[in-house]
Amino acid sequence: FDSLTYIEKFNFAVKSYKEGRYKIAESQFKFILMYDRNYKDPAAQLLMAKSQYKQNKFIDAIRSSKSFLLSYPNSPYESDALILLGDIALKKEKFTDAFRYFLSSRSMIEDRISLNSIDKRIFLCLGIGLNEEKIEGLLFKENNSLNRSIINLARAYQSWKVGRNIDLEMILSSIDPYYLPDYYSVIYGRLNNSVKTKSSKTITIAVLL
């Protein structure tokens, strides 16, 4: 491996990753970083982090991803690193942290397929439940209109879950449907209907699978 050119090494490591040989891929990307790039290669570092994630080496993957974000601000791969951190948080059942990472990455993505993939992840976090104080804190810091609408929808859903209809109505009134992505229109519509029908009580049903 060490006798190959940089491009050959990189392609070889990518091949290992695609074949699911994640431990080997991690070693190969690490070799590239150490001996070919003096630890300055955003693509190799991100793929090393992804290889670590695939092995469930979450602490290493978090460290590699955060180092990437610090070392390469405004990188074209920044959204990928944030998504990776969100996926790790989701695996560790830290749903509010995952929501934050996914939301941060969303504003950097333009193509619809990738946006749908992110929205599925956000929707999952929203449905499981989020920390209300933390998402309100996110709202104060967020400037993106679409992201603010998603955060407010998360707040509305939390209010609906615990039966706070006054809060639900107030939060929904602050959401401009124009700035709410289509992916969330169904839950927005259902929450609006619950306000119109004056539903006064929510019921939680436990299901044993």
Protein backbone atom coordinates (compact mmCIF):
# COMPACT_ATOMS: atom_id res chain seq x y z
CA PHE A 1 0.00 0.00 0.00
CA ASP A 2 2.77 2.48 0.91
CA SER A 3 4.37 2.11 -2.55
CA LEU A 4 1.27 3.49 -4.32
CA THR A 5 0.72 7.12 -5.34
CA TYR A 6 -1.64 9.27 -3.29
CA ILE A 7 -4.47 8.93 -5.84
CA GLU A 8 -4.00 5.16 -6.00
CA LYS A 9 -4.01 4.89 -2.20
CA PHE A 10 -7.15 7.01 -1.94
CA ASN A 11 -9.01 5.01 -4.58
CA PHE A 12 -7.87 1.77 -2.95
CA ALA A 13 -9.20 2.95 0.44
CA VAL A 14 -12.51 4.04 -1.12
CA LYS A 15 -12.81 0.59 -2.71
CA SER A 16 -12.28 -1.03 0.70
CA TYR A 17 -14.99 1.21 2.18
CA LYS A 18 -17.49 0.41 -0.59
CA GLU A 19 -16.82 -3.30 -0.13
CA GLY A 20 -17.69 -3.03 3.56
CA ARG A 21 -14.12 -3.63 4.77
CA TYR A 22 -14.37 -0.75 7.19
CA LYS A 23 -11.50 -1.66 9.52
CA ILE A 24 -9.11 -1.87 6.57
CA ALA A 25 -10.52 1.34 5.07
CA GLU A 26 -9.99 3.16 8.37
CA SER A 27 -6.34 2.03 8.48
CA GLN A 28 -5.80 3.07 4.87
CA PHE A 29 -7.32 6.54 5.26
CA LYS A 30 -5.33 6.98 8.48
CA PHE A 31 -2.14 5.99 6.62
CA ILE A 32 -2.90 8.60 3.93
CA LEU A 33 -3.43 11.29 6.54
CA MET A 34 -0.26 10.46 8.44
CA TYR A 35 2.23 9.82 5.65
CA ASP A 36 0.88 11.50 2.52
CA ARG A 37 -1.03 14.56 3.66
CA ASN A 38 0.43 15.56 7.03
CA TYR A 39 -3.08 15.34 8.51
CA LYS A 40 -4.43 17.82 5.94
CA ASP A 41 -6.94 16.02 3.73
CA PRO A 42 -10.65 16.71 4.41
CA ALA A 43 -11.92 13.87 2.20
CA ALA A 44 -9.65 11.26 3.79
CA GLN A 45 -10.49 12.47 7.31
CA LEU A 46 -14.24 12.39 6.69
CA LEU A 47 -14.08 8.90 5.16
CA MET A 48 -11.96 7.73 8.08
CA ALA A 49 -14.69 9.02 10.42
CA LYS A 50 -17.35 7.22 8.37
CA SER A 51 -15.31 4.00 8.51
CA GLN A 52 -15.14 4.35 12.30
CA TYR A 53 -18.90 4.91 12.48
CA LYS A 54 -19.56 1.77 10.43
CA GLN A 55 -17.58 -0.18 13.05
CA ASN A 56 -19.63 1.39 15.88
CA LYS A 57 -16.50 3.18 17.08
CA PHE A 58 -18.62 6.19 17.98
CA ILE A 59 -16.13 8.00 20.24
CA ASP A 60 -13.46 7.87 17.53
CA ALA A 61 -15.95 8.90 14.84
CA ILE A 62 -17.16 11.87 16.92
CA ARG A 63 -13.59 12.97 17.58
CA SER A 64 -12.67 12.70 13.89
CA SER A 65 -15.82 14.52 12.75
CA LYS A 66 -15.45 17.40 15.21
CA SER A 67 -11.77 17.73 14.31
CA PHE A 68 -12.85 17.89 10.67
CA LEU A 69 -15.34 20.71 11.38
CA LEU A 70 -12.73 22.69 13.29
CA SER A 71 -10.00 22.16 10.71
CA TYR A 72 -12.04 22.77 7.57
CA PRO A 73 -14.70 25.46 8.15
CA ASN A 74 -16.93 26.07 5.11
CA SER A 75 -15.74 22.85 3.50
CA PRO A 76 -18.03 21.39 0.79
CA TYR A 77 -18.12 18.27 2.99
CA GLU A 78 -19.28 20.16 6.11
CA SER A 79 -22.88 18.98 5.76
CA ASP A 80 -21.66 15.36 5.50
CA ALA A 81 -19.76 15.69 8.78
CA LEU A 82 -22.83 17.18 10.50
CA ILE A 83 -25.03 14.37 9.17
CA LEU A 84 -22.54 11.83 10.46
CA LEU A 85 -22.61 13.43 13.93
CA GLY A 86 -26.41 13.39 13.76
CA ASP A 87 -26.46 9.70 12.83
CA ILE A 88 -24.16 8.91 15.76
CA ALA A 89 -26.39 10.89 18.15
CA LEU A 90 -29.41 9.01 16.78
CA LYS A 91 -27.69 5.67 17.42
CA LYS A 92 -26.89 6.79 20.96
CA GLU A 93 -30.56 7.86 21.43
CA LYS A 94 -29.61 11.51 21.90
CA PHE A 95 -32.48 12.68 19.75
CA THR A 96 -32.32 16.41 20.47
CA ASP A 97 -28.61 16.49 19.59
CA ALA A 98 -29.35 14.54 16.41
CA PHE A 99 -32.12 17.02 15.54
CA ARG A 100 -29.67 19.91 15.98
CA TYR A 101 -27.01 18.36 13.74
CA PHE A 102 -29.49 17.42 11.02
CA LEU A 103 -31.07 20.86 11.09
CA SER A 104 -27.65 22.53 10.77
CA SER A 105 -26.81 20.39 7.76
CA ARG A 106 -30.18 21.00 6.11
CA SER A 107 -29.50 24.65 5.30
CA MET A 108 -26.31 23.63 3.43
CA ILE A 109 -28.03 21.13 1.11
CA GLU A 110 -29.76 22.00 -2.15
CA ASP A 111 -30.61 18.79 -4.03
CA ARG A 112 -34.03 17.34 -3.26
CA ILE A 113 -32.95 13.71 -2.76
CA SER A 114 -30.49 14.68 -0.02
CA LEU A 115 -33.07 17.02 1.55
CA ASN A 116 -35.63 14.20 1.70
CA SER A 117 -33.04 11.98 3.37
CA ILE A 118 -32.36 14.65 6.01
CA ASP A 119 -36.07 15.37 6.52
CA LYS A 120 -36.72 11.67 7.22
CA ARG A 121 -34.12 11.82 9.97
CA ILE A 122 -35.51 15.07 11.40
CA PHE A 123 -39.04 13.68 11.28
CA LEU A 124 -37.91 10.61 13.21
CA CYS A 125 -36.35 12.76 15.95
CA LEU A 126 -39.45 14.93 16.12
CA GLY A 127 -41.74 11.92 16.47
CA ILE A 128 -39.70 10.28 19.22
CA GLY A 129 -39.57 13.45 21.30
CA LEU A 130 -37.23 16.37 21.92
CA ASN A 131 -36.07 18.40 24.88
CA GLU A 132 -38.29 21.52 24.85
CA GLU A 133 -35.77 23.83 26.50
CA LYS A 134 -33.05 22.89 24.03
CA ILE A 135 -35.21 23.33 20.94
CA GLU A 136 -36.37 26.73 22.20
CA GLY A 137 -32.69 27.63 22.57
CA LEU A 138 -32.14 26.54 18.96
CA LEU A 139 -34.95 28.83 17.85
CA PHE A 140 -33.24 31.90 19.33
CA LYS A 141 -30.02 31.14 17.44
CA GLU A 142 -31.54 30.10 14.12
CA ASN A 143 -31.78 32.62 11.26
CA ASN A 144 -32.85 30.32 8.42
CA SER A 145 -36.62 30.73 7.85
CA LEU A 146 -37.18 27.09 6.84
CA ASN A 147 -35.29 25.80 9.87
CA ARG A 148 -37.21 28.14 12.18
CA SER A 149 -40.48 26.74 10.84
CA ILE A 150 -39.28 23.17 11.48
CA ILE A 151 -38.21 24.08 15.03
CA ASN A 152 -41.59 25.70 15.72
CA LEU A 153 -43.33 22.62 14.34
CA ALA A 154 -41.28 20.51 16.77
CA ARG A 155 -42.34 22.82 19.61
CA ALA A 156 -45.99 22.57 18.51
CA TYR A 157 -45.80 18.78 18.43
CA GLN A 158 -44.35 18.69 21.94
CA SER A 159 -47.18 20.92 23.18
CA TRP A 160 -49.74 18.66 21.51
CA LYS A 161 -48.19 15.56 23.09
CA VAL A 162 -48.64 16.90 26.61
CA GLY A 163 -52.05 18.47 25.94
CA ARG A 164 -51.07 22.16 26.11
CA ASN A 165 -53.63 23.36 23.55
CA ILE A 166 -53.17 27.07 24.21
CA ASP A 167 -49.42 26.80 23.57
CA LEU A 168 -50.11 24.62 20.54
CA GLU A 169 -52.42 27.20 18.99
CA MET A 170 -50.02 30.05 19.69
CA ILE A 171 -46.99 28.23 18.21
CA LEU A 172 -48.90 27.11 15.11
CA SER A 173 -50.01 30.69 14.47
CA SER A 174 -46.34 31.71 14.34
CA ILE A 175 -45.58 29.23 11.52
CA ASP A 176 -45.82 30.58 7.99
CA PRO A 177 -46.73 27.55 5.79
CA TYR A 178 -44.79 29.17 2.93
CA TYR A 179 -41.56 28.55 4.86
CA LEU A 180 -42.48 25.02 5.96
CA PRO A 181 -41.01 22.30 3.69
CA ASP A 182 -43.60 20.07 2.00
CA TYR A 183 -42.30 17.02 3.88
CA TYR A 184 -43.86 18.38 7.10
CA SER A 185 -47.21 19.48 5.67
CA VAL A 186 -49.10 16.38 6.89
CA ILE A 187 -48.17 16.76 10.54
CA TYR A 188 -48.75 20.53 10.32
CA GLY A 189 -52.22 19.92 8.92
CA ARG A 190 -53.08 17.38 11.60
CA LEU A 191 -51.93 19.67 14.39
CA ASN A 192 -54.03 22.47 12.90
CA ASN A 193 -57.05 20.17 12.76
CA SER A 194 -56.58 19.25 16.41
CA VAL A 195 -56.79 22.96 17.26
CA LYS A 196 -59.92 23.47 15.14
CA THR A 197 -61.68 20.47 16.66
CA LYS A 198 -60.67 21.64 20.15
CA SER A 199 -59.19 18.27 21.11
CA SER A 200 -58.70 18.59 24.85
CA LYS A 201 -56.91 15.37 25.66
CA THR A 202 -54.09 13.29 24.20
CA ILE A 203 -53.74 9.61 24.93
CA THR A 204 -50.49 7.65 25.00
CA ILE A 205 -50.83 3.97 24.14
CA ALA A 206 -48.01 1.55 24.94
CA VAL A 207 -47.50 -1.19 22.37
CA LEU A 208 -45.47 -4.30 23.17
CA LEU A 209 -43.81 -5.75 20.07
